[in-house]
Amino acid sequence: MACQELKRESYKITGDPKKPDGAPNSYVKMTCARANFRAAGWKDEDFKKPMITIAAPYSNSMPCNNQFRDLADILAEEVEKLGGKAHFCFTPVISDGESQGCKAMRYSLVSREVITDCIEVMHEGYHSDAI
């Protein structure tokens, strides 16, 4: 499957040029969304690419997750080389090792659910085509 064929869902947020101007998710109706994407550095050609969510539980304060930002950047480069547009989702993450023995440990187990919820919200909220 060609990368371009993956672009199905993200037209709902970037605007579908095949829809009539007044239709929901048409190119005209989604002008404001594209303006915001442009303010974040997107170019016109990016709106034609499938949007790929790259999720990473990242924090720079613990050794088990501090490299995830670098890994996400590597994945984003590969996605873009293959014709997609990377969409980052960095989630909160709590370290068991750093939080044990203090009140912060209360957040460690619940953070797993928060991580998955964050990924779902970012992926679905931006109508990404793949994850």
Foldseek 3Di string as FASTA:
>chain_A
DAQLVLADQLLQQCADCVDPLVDRSHNNVNVVSVVVVVVVPDDPLQSSGFEAEDEAAADCPDDVHPCRVVVSVVVQVVCVVSGHHYDYQHAHADDCVVCPPHPCNVVHVVSVVRSVVSSCCRCVVSRGSYD
